[in-house]
Amino acid sequence: MTGVARAVPRTDPLPPVPTAPATDRTPSVPSPLIRAFPTAPPPPEPPAEVLDGGPDETSGAADAAGSADPGAPAGAAGADAARRAARTPGRREQRYQETRARIVDAAAELFAERGFDAVSVIEIAKRAGVVEKTVFNHFPVKEGLVFDADPPMREALLDAVRSRPSGESVSAAAGSFVVAAVGLLGAPEAAEGVARMARVIRGSRTLQVREREILGELTDALAGLIAEETRAWPGQVEPWLAAHAVLGLYASLLELARDRVLAGVTGPELSGELRRQGRRGLALLQFGLAGYAKRR
């Protein structure tokens, strides 16, 4: 993606609009599209072949069972082992997480050095100290090393809409969430990750396409929720127009944030600019969508 949002002089006229709702709600999770190299949560229990080197590790339950009091009744020992296993993660799970982290770190380094398209999965595996098959076991597609298959923002955005107070429109709730989420990028500690992500994505046509697909999937999910809530009939355009408007605001603010971080602007200056631009965009959304899909 290229930057589509630019600073607008504050003297630009705007039509009379309702007061934009407050945008200081803190999102429960930041979007994966604005993190450095996010990863999806692991599956419940990885297969043994995912792990590299050494014999198969025992699970937490087995560890707990082995340490049970030998003089205790078998039933009591089993119950005690189960309780301890529930309290502590298994060694296999720990190794799984460590392996996954090594792969992500290796990929991030290589992508930053040479770009996404120029790096092979074999190279990532070699730097991470695993075999190629292990990389694919953790990330079936290479793009998964950059983007989550199921972005955490999806549920957070939908929850913001579901939990909005009575009388608030869906565009106000979703738009406020979006502005707050992107505003997190103003934090100085976020600058390096945002800049690295921007360079990697803008240097890869493949990642640009995937990012647009993710935005499309988020739009579909929001539109589906709006259609369900408003009992829209099949083919009714309003839910899709509202969802596209909100995610269009998100995409514009995200590209603005990337542009500014790459130009060296971070911290309070960037946070303030993102919030100002977000409020302006949200006000425009409210002008046309203020009365649509209000919570009753």
C-alpha atoms as a PDB file:
ATOM      1  CA  MET A   1       0.000   0.000   0.000  1.00  0.00           C
ATOM      2  CA  THR A   2       1.050   3.514  -0.551  1.00  0.00           C
ATOM      3  CA  GLY A   3       0.148   6.368   1.738  1.00  0.00           C
ATOM      4  CA  VAL A   4      -3.349   7.552   1.037  1.00  0.00           C
ATOM      5  CA  ALA A   5      -3.769   9.915   3.961  1.00  0.00           C
ATOM      6  CA  ARG A   6      -1.949  13.212   4.134  1.00  0.00           C
ATOM      7  CA  ALA A   7      -2.044  16.083   6.574  1.00  0.00           C
ATOM      8  CA  VAL A   8      -4.950  18.406   5.811  1.00  0.00           C
ATOM      9  CA  PRO A   9      -4.673  22.117   6.647  1.00  0.00           C
ATOM     10  CA  ARG A  10      -6.932  22.904   9.554  1.00  0.00           C
ATOM     11  CA  THR A  11      -8.469  25.741   7.549  1.00  0.00           C
ATOM     12  CA  ASP A  12     -10.123  23.276   5.143  1.00  0.00           C
ATOM     13  CA  PRO A  13     -13.886  23.769   5.387  1.00  0.00           C
ATOM     14  CA  LEU A  14     -15.964  20.894   6.672  1.00  0.00           C
ATOM     15  CA  PRO A  15     -19.733  20.644   6.483  1.00  0.00           C
ATOM     16  CA  PRO A  16     -21.649  21.063   9.734  1.00  0.00           C
ATOM     17  CA  VAL A  17     -21.391  17.721  11.469  1.00  0.00           C
ATOM     18  CA  PRO A  18     -22.474  16.251  14.776  1.00  0.00           C
ATOM     19  CA  THR A  19     -19.803  16.321  17.440  1.00  0.00           C
ATOM     20  CA  ALA A  20     -17.567  13.313  16.914  1.00  0.00           C
ATOM     21  CA  PRO A  21     -17.634  10.879  19.813  1.00  0.00           C
ATOM     22  CA  ALA A  22     -14.675  10.645  22.135  1.00  0.00           C
ATOM     23  CA  THR A  23     -11.814   8.537  20.798  1.00  0.00           C
ATOM     24  CA  ASP A  24      -9.960   7.790  24.021  1.00  0.00           C
ATOM     25  CA  ARG A  25     -11.206   4.236  24.371  1.00  0.00           C
ATOM     26  CA  THR A  26      -8.240   1.956  24.688  1.00  0.00           C
ATOM     27  CA  PRO A  27      -8.558  -1.058  22.378  1.00  0.00           C
ATOM     28  CA  SER A  28      -8.288  -4.393  24.124  1.00  0.00           C
ATOM     29  CA  VAL A  29      -5.715  -5.480  21.532  1.00  0.00           C
ATOM     30  CA  PRO A  30      -3.700  -3.589  18.936  1.00  0.00           C
ATOM     31  CA  SER A  31      -4.210  -4.582  15.339  1.00  0.00           C
ATOM     32  CA  PRO A  32      -1.780  -7.077  13.844  1.00  0.00           C
ATOM     33  CA  LEU A  33      -1.541  -4.762  10.888  1.00  0.00           C
ATOM     34  CA  ILE A  34       0.287  -2.231  13.030  1.00  0.00           C
ATOM     35  CA  ARG A  35       2.600  -4.550  14.941  1.00  0.00           C
ATOM     36  CA  ALA A  36       6.076  -5.535  13.869  1.00  0.00           C
ATOM     37  CA  PHE A  37       5.848  -9.263  13.170  1.00  0.00           C
ATOM     38  CA  PRO A  38       2.825 -10.713  14.987  1.00  0.00           C
ATOM     39  CA  THR A  39       2.177 -14.395  15.424  1.00  0.00           C
ATOM     40  CA  ALA A  40      -1.005 -16.370  15.867  1.00  0.00           C
ATOM     41  CA  PRO A  41      -1.686 -18.295  19.086  1.00  0.00           C
ATOM     42  CA  PRO A  42      -0.349 -21.852  18.975  1.00  0.00           C
ATOM     43  CA  PRO A  43      -2.556 -24.901  18.529  1.00  0.00           C
ATOM     44  CA  PRO A  44      -3.458 -26.791  21.720  1.00  0.00           C
ATOM     45  CA  GLU A  45      -0.823 -29.507  21.337  1.00  0.00           C
ATOM     46  CA  PRO A  46       1.802 -29.646  18.565  1.00  0.00           C
ATOM     47  CA  PRO A  47       2.708 -32.978  16.991  1.00  0.00           C
ATOM     48  CA  ALA A  48       6.022 -34.530  17.960  1.00  0.00           C
ATOM     49  CA  GLU A  49       7.574 -33.918  14.538  1.00  0.00           C
ATOM     50  CA  VAL A  50       7.242 -30.167  14.972  1.00  0.00           C
ATOM     51  CA  LEU A  51       9.998 -30.235  17.552  1.00  0.00           C
ATOM     52  CA  ASP A  52      13.595 -30.314  16.439  1.00  0.00           C
ATOM     53  CA  GLY A  53      16.370 -32.360  17.992  1.00  0.00           C
ATOM     54  CA  GLY A  54      16.369 -34.649  20.997  1.00  0.00           C
ATOM     55  CA  PRO A  55      13.803 -37.155  22.183  1.00  0.00           C
ATOM     56  CA  ASP A  56      10.159 -36.268  22.542  1.00  0.00           C
ATOM     57  CA  GLU A  57       9.598 -34.274  25.713  1.00  0.00           C
ATOM     58  CA  THR A  58       7.105 -35.495  28.260  1.00  0.00           C
ATOM     59  CA  SER A  59       3.963 -33.501  28.924  1.00  0.00           C
ATOM     60  CA  GLY A  60       3.208 -31.568  32.070  1.00  0.00           C
ATOM     61  CA  ALA A  61       0.854 -34.328  33.190  1.00  0.00           C
ATOM     62  CA  ALA A  62       3.573 -36.969  32.916  1.00  0.00           C
ATOM     63  CA  ASP A  63       6.040 -34.768  34.790  1.00  0.00           C
ATOM     64  CA  ALA A  64       3.484 -34.256  37.547  1.00  0.00           C
ATOM     65  CA  ALA A  65       2.635 -37.963  37.727  1.00  0.00           C
ATOM     66  CA  GLY A  66       6.288 -38.893  38.059  1.00  0.00           C
ATOM     67  CA  SER A  67       6.688 -36.610  41.057  1.00  0.00           C
ATOM     68  CA  ALA A  68       3.602 -37.842  42.931  1.00  0.00           C
ATOM     69  CA  ASP A  69       3.950 -39.417  46.357  1.00  0.00           C
ATOM     70  CA  PRO A  70       4.545 -43.164  45.741  1.00  0.00           C
ATOM     71  CA  GLY A  71       2.787 -44.016  48.983  1.00  0.00           C
ATOM     72  CA  ALA A  72      -0.439 -42.249  48.037  1.00  0.00           C
ATOM     73  CA  PRO A  73      -3.407 -44.175  46.614  1.00  0.00           C
ATOM     74  CA  ALA A  74      -3.377 -44.432  42.834  1.00  0.00           C
ATOM     75  CA  GLY A  75      -6.554 -42.377  42.466  1.00  0.00           C
ATOM     76  CA  ALA A  76      -5.227 -39.583  44.668  1.00  0.00           C
ATOM     77  CA  ALA A  77      -1.892 -39.553  42.872  1.00  0.00           C
ATOM     78  CA  GLY A  78      -3.635 -39.289  39.509  1.00  0.00           C
ATOM     79  CA  ALA A  79      -5.834 -36.439  40.681  1.00  0.00           C
ATOM     80  CA  ASP A  80      -2.845 -34.638  42.152  1.00  0.00           C
ATOM     81  CA  ALA A  81      -0.907 -35.096  38.910  1.00  0.00           C
ATOM     82  CA  ALA A  82      -3.814 -33.715  36.886  1.00  0.00           C
ATOM     83  CA  ARG A  83      -4.055 -30.642  39.113  1.00  0.00           C
ATOM     84  CA  ARG A  84      -0.361 -29.914  38.820  1.00  0.00           C
ATOM     85  CA  ALA A  85      -0.433 -30.463  35.071  1.00  0.00           C
ATOM     86  CA  ALA A  86      -3.248 -27.928  34.780  1.00  0.00           C
ATOM     87  CA  ARG A  87      -1.228 -25.351  36.714  1.00  0.00           C
ATOM     88  CA  THR A  88       2.026 -25.622  34.740  1.00  0.00           C
ATOM     89  CA  PRO A  89       2.571 -25.754  30.982  1.00  0.00           C
ATOM     90  CA  GLY A  90       4.177 -28.878  29.598  1.00  0.00           C
ATOM     91  CA  ARG A  91       7.785 -28.928  28.497  1.00  0.00           C
ATOM     92  CA  ARG A  92       6.733 -29.711  24.938  1.00  0.00           C
ATOM     93  CA  GLU A  93       4.562 -26.611  24.845  1.00  0.00           C
ATOM     94  CA  GLN A  94       7.436 -24.516  26.180  1.00  0.00           C
ATOM     95  CA  ARG A  95       9.765 -25.852  23.491  1.00  0.00           C
ATOM     96  CA  TYR A  96       7.081 -25.256  20.874  1.00  0.00           C
ATOM     97  CA  GLN A  97       6.798 -21.601  21.885  1.00  0.00           C
ATOM     98  CA  GLU A  98      10.562 -21.163  21.956  1.00  0.00           C
ATOM     99  CA  THR A  99      10.908 -22.671  18.482  1.00  0.00           C
ATOM    100  CA  ARG A 100       8.141 -20.456  17.146  1.00  0.00           C
ATOM    101  CA  ALA A 101       9.776 -17.357  18.610  1.00  0.00           C
ATOM    102  CA  ARG A 102      13.132 -18.252  17.030  1.00  0.00           C
ATOM    103  CA  ILE A 103      11.482 -18.637  13.634  1.00  0.00           C
ATOM    104  CA  VAL A 104       9.683 -15.295  13.878  1.00  0.00           C
ATOM    105  CA  ASP A 105      12.833 -13.506  15.045  1.00  0.00           C
ATOM    106  CA  ALA A 106      14.902 -15.028  12.246  1.00  0.00           C
ATOM    107  CA  ALA A 107      12.293 -14.067   9.649  1.00  0.00           C
ATOM    108  CA  ALA A 108      12.053 -10.518  10.970  1.00  0.00           C
ATOM    109  CA  GLU A 109      15.805 -10.060  10.756  1.00  0.00           C
ATOM    110  CA  LEU A 110      16.046 -11.445   7.228  1.00  0.00           C
ATOM    111  CA  PHE A 111      13.029  -9.514   5.934  1.00  0.00           C
ATOM    112  CA  ALA A 112      14.465  -6.292   7.362  1.00  0.00           C
ATOM    113  CA  GLU A 113      17.848  -7.005   5.778  1.00  0.00           C
ATOM    114  CA  ARG A 114      16.766  -8.066   2.277  1.00  0.00           C
ATOM    115  CA  GLY A 115      13.015  -7.784   1.913  1.00  0.00           C
ATOM    116  CA  PHE A 116      10.237 -10.353   2.122  1.00  0.00           C
ATOM    117  CA  ASP A 117      10.356 -11.570  -1.473  1.00  0.00           C
ATOM    118  CA  ALA A 118      14.124 -12.099  -1.538  1.00  0.00           C
ATOM    119  CA  VAL A 119      14.191 -14.392   1.503  1.00  0.00           C
ATOM    120  CA  SER A 120      13.460 -18.113   1.219  1.00  0.00           C
ATOM    121  CA  VAL A 121      11.907 -20.338   3.865  1.00  0.00           C
ATOM    122  CA  ILE A 122      15.075 -22.456   3.821  1.00  0.00           C
ATOM    123  CA  GLU A 123      17.117 -19.393   4.810  1.00  0.00           C
ATOM    124  CA  ILE A 124      14.707 -18.610   7.639  1.00  0.00           C
ATOM    125  CA  ALA A 125      14.923 -22.177   8.889  1.00  0.00           C
ATOM    126  CA  LYS A 126      18.713 -22.145   8.779  1.00  0.00           C
ATOM    127  CA  ARG A 127      18.990 -18.915  10.761  1.00  0.00           C
ATOM    128  CA  ALA A 128      16.428 -20.167  13.297  1.00  0.00           C
ATOM    129  CA  GLY A 129      18.294 -23.449  13.693  1.00  0.00           C
ATOM    130  CA  VAL A 130      15.412 -25.659  12.538  1.00  0.00           C
ATOM    131  CA  VAL A 131      14.531 -27.641   9.434  1.00  0.00           C
ATOM    132  CA  GLU A 132      12.338 -26.237   6.666  1.00  0.00           C
ATOM    133  CA  LYS A 133       9.470 -28.563   7.589  1.00  0.00           C
ATOM    134  CA  THR A 134       9.333 -27.072  11.068  1.00  0.00           C
ATOM    135  CA  VAL A 135       8.833 -23.573   9.657  1.00  0.00           C
ATOM    136  CA  PHE A 136       5.899 -24.796   7.588  1.00  0.00           C
ATOM    137  CA  ASN A 137       4.464 -26.667  10.584  1.00  0.00           C
ATOM    138  CA  HIS A 138       4.305 -23.375  12.457  1.00  0.00           C
ATOM    139  CA  PHE A 139       3.479 -21.161   9.459  1.00  0.00           C
ATOM    140  CA  PRO A 140       1.838 -22.997   6.536  1.00  0.00           C
ATOM    141  CA  VAL A 141       2.272 -19.937   4.296  1.00  0.00           C
ATOM    142  CA  LYS A 142       5.201 -17.559   4.259  1.00  0.00           C
ATOM    143  CA  GLU A 143       2.951 -14.505   4.681  1.00  0.00           C
ATOM    144  CA  GLY A 144       1.979 -15.925   8.069  1.00  0.00           C
ATOM    145  CA  LEU A 145       5.377 -14.841   9.374  1.00  0.00           C
ATOM    146  CA  VAL A 146       4.185 -11.244   8.970  1.00  0.00           C
ATOM    147  CA  PHE A 147       0.406 -11.350   9.343  1.00  0.00           C
ATOM    148  CA  ASP A 148      -1.836 -13.341  11.631  1.00  0.00           C
ATOM    149  CA  ALA A 149      -4.210 -15.682   9.862  1.00  0.00           C
ATOM    150  CA  ASP A 150      -6.962 -14.552  12.246  1.00  0.00           C
ATOM    151  CA  PRO A 151      -6.108 -10.985  13.302  1.00  0.00           C
ATOM    152  CA  PRO A 152      -6.810 -10.195  16.961  1.00  0.00           C
ATOM    153  CA  MET A 153      -8.328  -6.901  15.791  1.00  0.00           C
ATOM    154  CA  ARG A 154     -11.279  -8.784  14.343  1.00  0.00           C
ATOM    155  CA  GLU A 155     -12.857  -9.769  17.651  1.00  0.00           C
ATOM    156  CA  ALA A 156     -11.771  -6.550  19.369  1.00  0.00           C
ATOM    157  CA  LEU A 157     -13.472  -4.434  16.688  1.00  0.00           C
ATOM    158  CA  LEU A 158     -16.624  -6.541  16.758  1.00  0.00           C
ATOM    159  CA  ASP A 159     -16.706  -6.418  20.560  1.00  0.00           C
ATOM    160  CA  ALA A 160     -16.476  -2.616  20.437  1.00  0.00           C
ATOM    161  CA  VAL A 161     -19.586  -2.587  18.253  1.00  0.00           C
ATOM    162  CA  ARG A 162     -21.483  -5.174  20.291  1.00  0.00           C
ATOM    163  CA  SER A 163     -20.796  -3.390  23.587  1.00  0.00           C
ATOM    164  CA  ARG A 164     -21.595   0.160  22.454  1.00  0.00           C
ATOM    165  CA  PRO A 165     -24.096   2.019  24.651  1.00  0.00           C
ATOM    166  CA  SER A 166     -27.690   2.699  23.763  1.00  0.00           C
ATOM    167  CA  GLY A 167     -28.081   5.530  21.267  1.00  0.00           C
ATOM    168  CA  GLU A 168     -24.597   5.176  19.737  1.00  0.00           C
ATOM    169  CA  SER A 169     -24.291   4.381  16.056  1.00  0.00           C
ATOM    170  CA  VAL A 170     -22.188   1.538  14.739  1.00  0.00           C
ATOM    171  CA  SER A 171     -19.951   3.988  12.851  1.00  0.00           C
ATOM    172  CA  ALA A 172     -19.280   5.919  16.065  1.00  0.00           C
ATOM    173  CA  ALA A 173     -18.380   2.787  18.037  1.00  0.00           C
ATOM    174  CA  ALA A 174     -16.254   1.151  15.343  1.00  0.00           C
ATOM    175  CA  GLY A 175     -14.684   4.428  14.225  1.00  0.00           C
ATOM    176  CA  SER A 176     -13.757   5.402  17.776  1.00  0.00           C
ATOM    177  CA  PHE A 177     -12.119   2.020  18.271  1.00  0.00           C
ATOM    178  CA  VAL A 178     -10.121   2.434  15.054  1.00  0.00           C
ATOM    179  CA  VAL A 179      -8.881   5.910  15.981  1.00  0.00           C
ATOM    180  CA  ALA A 180      -7.841   4.714  19.442  1.00  0.00           C
ATOM    181  CA  ALA A 181      -6.059   1.672  18.003  1.00  0.00           C
ATOM    182  CA  VAL A 182      -4.022   3.659  15.495  1.00  0.00           C
ATOM    183  CA  GLY A 183      -3.294   6.295  18.142  1.00  0.00           C
ATOM    184  CA  LEU A 184      -1.249   3.657  19.984  1.00  0.00           C
ATOM    185  CA  LEU A 185       1.364   3.978  17.257  1.00  0.00           C
ATOM    186  CA  GLY A 186       2.433   7.311  18.677  1.00  0.00           C
ATOM    187  CA  ALA A 187       4.224   5.583  21.532  1.00  0.00           C
ATOM    188  CA  PRO A 188       8.005   5.949  21.110  1.00  0.00           C
ATOM    189  CA  GLU A 189       8.527   2.227  21.727  1.00  0.00           C
ATOM    190  CA  ALA A 190       6.276   1.416  18.767  1.00  0.00           C
ATOM    191  CA  ALA A 191       8.242   3.455  16.230  1.00  0.00           C
ATOM    192  CA  GLU A 192      10.891   0.874  15.340  1.00  0.00           C
ATOM    193  CA  GLY A 193       8.386  -1.906  14.780  1.00  0.00           C
ATOM    194  CA  VAL A 194       6.058   0.279  12.728  1.00  0.00           C
ATOM    195  CA  ALA A 195       8.920   1.529  10.554  1.00  0.00           C
ATOM    196  CA  ARG A 196      10.249  -1.982   9.986  1.00  0.00           C
ATOM    197  CA  MET A 197       6.782  -3.284   9.139  1.00  0.00           C
ATOM    198  CA  ALA A 198       6.216  -0.394   6.727  1.00  0.00           C
ATOM    199  CA  ARG A 199       9.473  -1.023   4.869  1.00  0.00           C
ATOM    200  CA  VAL A 200       8.865  -4.759   4.587  1.00  0.00           C
ATOM    201  CA  ILE A 201       5.257  -4.417   3.394  1.00  0.00           C
ATOM    202  CA  ARG A 202       5.916  -1.592   0.970  1.00  0.00           C
ATOM    203  CA  GLY A 203       8.783  -3.548  -0.507  1.00  0.00           C
ATOM    204  CA  SER A 204       6.645  -6.593  -1.291  1.00  0.00           C
ATOM    205  CA  ARG A 205       3.732  -6.800  -3.695  1.00  0.00           C
ATOM    206  CA  THR A 206       2.778 -10.118  -2.102  1.00  0.00           C
ATOM    207  CA  LEU A 207       2.419  -8.567   1.346  1.00  0.00           C
ATOM    208  CA  GLN A 208       0.523  -5.581   0.002  1.00  0.00           C
ATOM    209  CA  VAL A 209      -2.007  -7.933  -1.558  1.00  0.00           C
ATOM    210  CA  ARG A 210      -2.276  -9.959   1.648  1.00  0.00           C
ATOM    211  CA  GLU A 211      -2.787  -6.832   3.730  1.00  0.00           C
ATOM    212  CA  ARG A 212      -5.627  -5.731   1.471  1.00  0.00           C
ATOM    213  CA  GLU A 213      -7.139  -9.194   1.821  1.00  0.00           C
ATOM    214  CA  ILE A 214      -7.006  -8.922   5.603  1.00  0.00           C
ATOM    215  CA  LEU A 215      -8.650  -5.505   5.494  1.00  0.00           C
ATOM    216  CA  GLY A 216     -11.311  -6.989   3.225  1.00  0.00           C
ATOM    217  CA  GLU A 217     -11.906  -9.831   5.683  1.00  0.00           C
ATOM    218  CA  LEU A 218     -12.247  -7.355   8.555  1.00  0.00           C
ATOM    219  CA  THR A 219     -14.690  -5.338   6.465  1.00  0.00           C
ATOM    220  CA  ASP A 220     -16.741  -8.448   5.718  1.00  0.00           C
ATOM    221  CA  ALA A 221     -16.851  -9.403   9.392  1.00  0.00           C
ATOM    222  CA  LEU A 222     -18.007  -5.934  10.453  1.00  0.00           C
ATOM    223  CA  ALA A 223     -20.582  -5.762   7.656  1.00  0.00           C
ATOM    224  CA  GLY A 224     -21.903  -9.164   8.642  1.00  0.00           C
ATOM    225  CA  LEU A 225     -22.379  -8.056  12.249  1.00  0.00           C
ATOM    226  CA  ILE A 226     -24.141  -4.866  11.157  1.00  0.00           C
ATOM    227  CA  ALA A 227     -26.406  -6.800   8.801  1.00  0.00           C
ATOM    228  CA  GLU A 228     -27.291  -9.245  11.567  1.00  0.00           C
ATOM    229  CA  GLU A 229     -28.009  -6.488  14.059  1.00  0.00           C
ATOM    230  CA  THR A 230     -30.132  -4.429  11.666  1.00  0.00           C
ATOM    231  CA  ARG A 231     -31.840  -7.499  10.175  1.00  0.00           C
ATOM    232  CA  ALA A 232     -30.801  -6.360   6.720  1.00  0.00           C
ATOM    233  CA  TRP A 233     -32.106  -8.375   3.809  1.00  0.00           C
ATOM    234  CA  PRO A 234     -29.653 -10.118   1.461  1.00  0.00           C
ATOM    235  CA  GLY A 235     -28.057  -7.608  -0.874  1.00  0.00           C
ATOM    236  CA  GLN A 236     -28.890  -4.547   1.229  1.00  0.00           C
ATOM    237  CA  VAL A 237     -26.049  -2.064   0.758  1.00  0.00           C
ATOM    238  CA  GLU A 238     -26.056  -0.082   4.006  1.00  0.00           C
ATOM    239  CA  PRO A 239     -24.127  -2.583   6.176  1.00  0.00           C
ATOM    240  CA  TRP A 240     -21.382  -2.882   3.569  1.00  0.00           C
ATOM    241  CA  LEU A 241     -21.139   0.861   3.025  1.00  0.00           C
ATOM    242  CA  ALA A 242     -20.837   1.494   6.762  1.00  0.00           C
ATOM    243  CA  ALA A 243     -18.190  -1.222   7.202  1.00  0.00           C
ATOM    244  CA  HIS A 244     -16.157  -0.036   4.205  1.00  0.00           C
ATOM    245  CA  ALA A 245     -16.220   3.522   5.533  1.00  0.00           C
ATOM    246  CA  VAL A 246     -14.876   2.482   8.931  1.00  0.00           C
ATOM    247  CA  LEU A 247     -12.134   0.231   7.537  1.00  0.00           C
ATOM    248  CA  GLY A 248     -11.284   2.902   4.968  1.00  0.00           C
ATOM    249  CA  LEU A 249     -10.618   5.278   7.856  1.00  0.00           C
ATOM    250  CA  TYR A 250      -8.432   2.632   9.466  1.00  0.00           C
ATOM    251  CA  ALA A 251      -6.402   2.037   6.289  1.00  0.00           C
ATOM    252  CA  SER A 252      -5.886   5.771   5.778  1.00  0.00           C
ATOM    253  CA  LEU A 253      -4.706   6.362   9.335  1.00  0.00           C
ATOM    254  CA  LEU A 254      -2.434   3.325   9.199  1.00  0.00           C
ATOM    255  CA  GLU A 255      -0.724   4.574   6.053  1.00  0.00           C
ATOM    256  CA  LEU A 256      -0.414   8.048   7.539  1.00  0.00           C
ATOM    257  CA  ALA A 257       1.246   6.556  10.616  1.00  0.00           C
ATOM    258  CA  ARG A 258       3.692   4.627   8.444  1.00  0.00           C
ATOM    259  CA  ASP A 259       4.498   7.683   6.362  1.00  0.00           C
ATOM    260  CA  ARG A 260       5.186   9.798   9.414  1.00  0.00           C
ATOM    261  CA  VAL A 261       7.243   7.171  11.253  1.00  0.00           C
ATOM    262  CA  LEU A 262       9.407   6.635   8.177  1.00  0.00           C
ATOM    263  CA  ALA A 263       9.890  10.420   8.081  1.00  0.00           C
ATOM    264  CA  GLY A 264      11.147  10.319  11.674  1.00  0.00           C
ATOM    265  CA  VAL A 265       8.026  11.600  13.445  1.00  0.00           C
ATOM    266  CA  THR A 266       7.113   9.675  16.620  1.00  0.00           C
ATOM    267  CA  GLY A 267       5.908  10.218  20.150  1.00  0.00           C
ATOM    268  CA  PRO A 268       3.413  12.920  21.169  1.00  0.00           C
ATOM    269  CA  GLU A 269       3.719  14.691  17.820  1.00  0.00           C
ATOM    270  CA  LEU A 270       2.627  11.596  15.910  1.00  0.00           C
ATOM    271  CA  SER A 271      -0.050  10.680  18.455  1.00  0.00           C
ATOM    272  CA  GLY A 272      -1.534  14.145  18.228  1.00  0.00           C
ATOM    273  CA  GLU A 273      -1.555  14.136  14.446  1.00  0.00           C
ATOM    274  CA  LEU A 274      -3.159  10.710  14.248  1.00  0.00           C
ATOM    275  CA  ARG A 275      -5.866  11.690  16.711  1.00  0.00           C
ATOM    276  CA  ARG A 276      -6.601  14.966  14.928  1.00  0.00           C
ATOM    277  CA  GLN A 277      -6.842  13.264  11.565  1.00  0.00           C
ATOM    278  CA  GLY A 278      -8.850  10.444  13.104  1.00  0.00           C
ATOM    279  CA  ARG A 279     -11.343  12.856  14.613  1.00  0.00           C
ATOM    280  CA  ARG A 280     -11.725  14.646  11.298  1.00  0.00           C
ATOM    281  CA  GLY A 281     -12.345  11.385   9.490  1.00  0.00           C
ATOM    282  CA  LEU A 282     -14.713  10.205  12.186  1.00  0.00           C
ATOM    283  CA  ALA A 283     -16.664  13.459  11.979  1.00  0.00           C
ATOM    284  CA  LEU A 284     -17.121  12.945   8.243  1.00  0.00           C
ATOM    285  CA  LEU A 285     -18.337   9.411   8.869  1.00  0.00           C
ATOM    286  CA  GLN A 286     -20.767  10.690  11.457  1.00  0.00           C
ATOM    287  CA  PHE A 287     -22.154  13.325   9.106  1.00  0.00           C
ATOM    288  CA  GLY A 288     -23.500  10.658   6.795  1.00  0.00           C
ATOM    289  CA  LEU A 289     -23.888   7.699   9.141  1.00  0.00           C
ATOM    290  CA  ALA A 290     -24.850   9.292  12.460  1.00  0.00           C
ATOM    291  CA  GLY A 291     -28.384   8.018  12.338  1.00  0.00           C
ATOM    292  CA  TYR A 292     -27.657   4.548  10.977  1.00  0.00           C
ATOM    293  CA  ALA A 293     -27.648   1.423  13.156  1.00  0.00           C
ATOM    294  CA  LYS A 294     -27.938   3.163  16.509  1.00  0.00           C
ATOM    295  CA  ARG A 295     -28.099   0.861  19.509  1.00  0.00           C
ATOM    296  CA  ARG A 296     -31.667   0.862  20.856  1.00  0.00           C
END
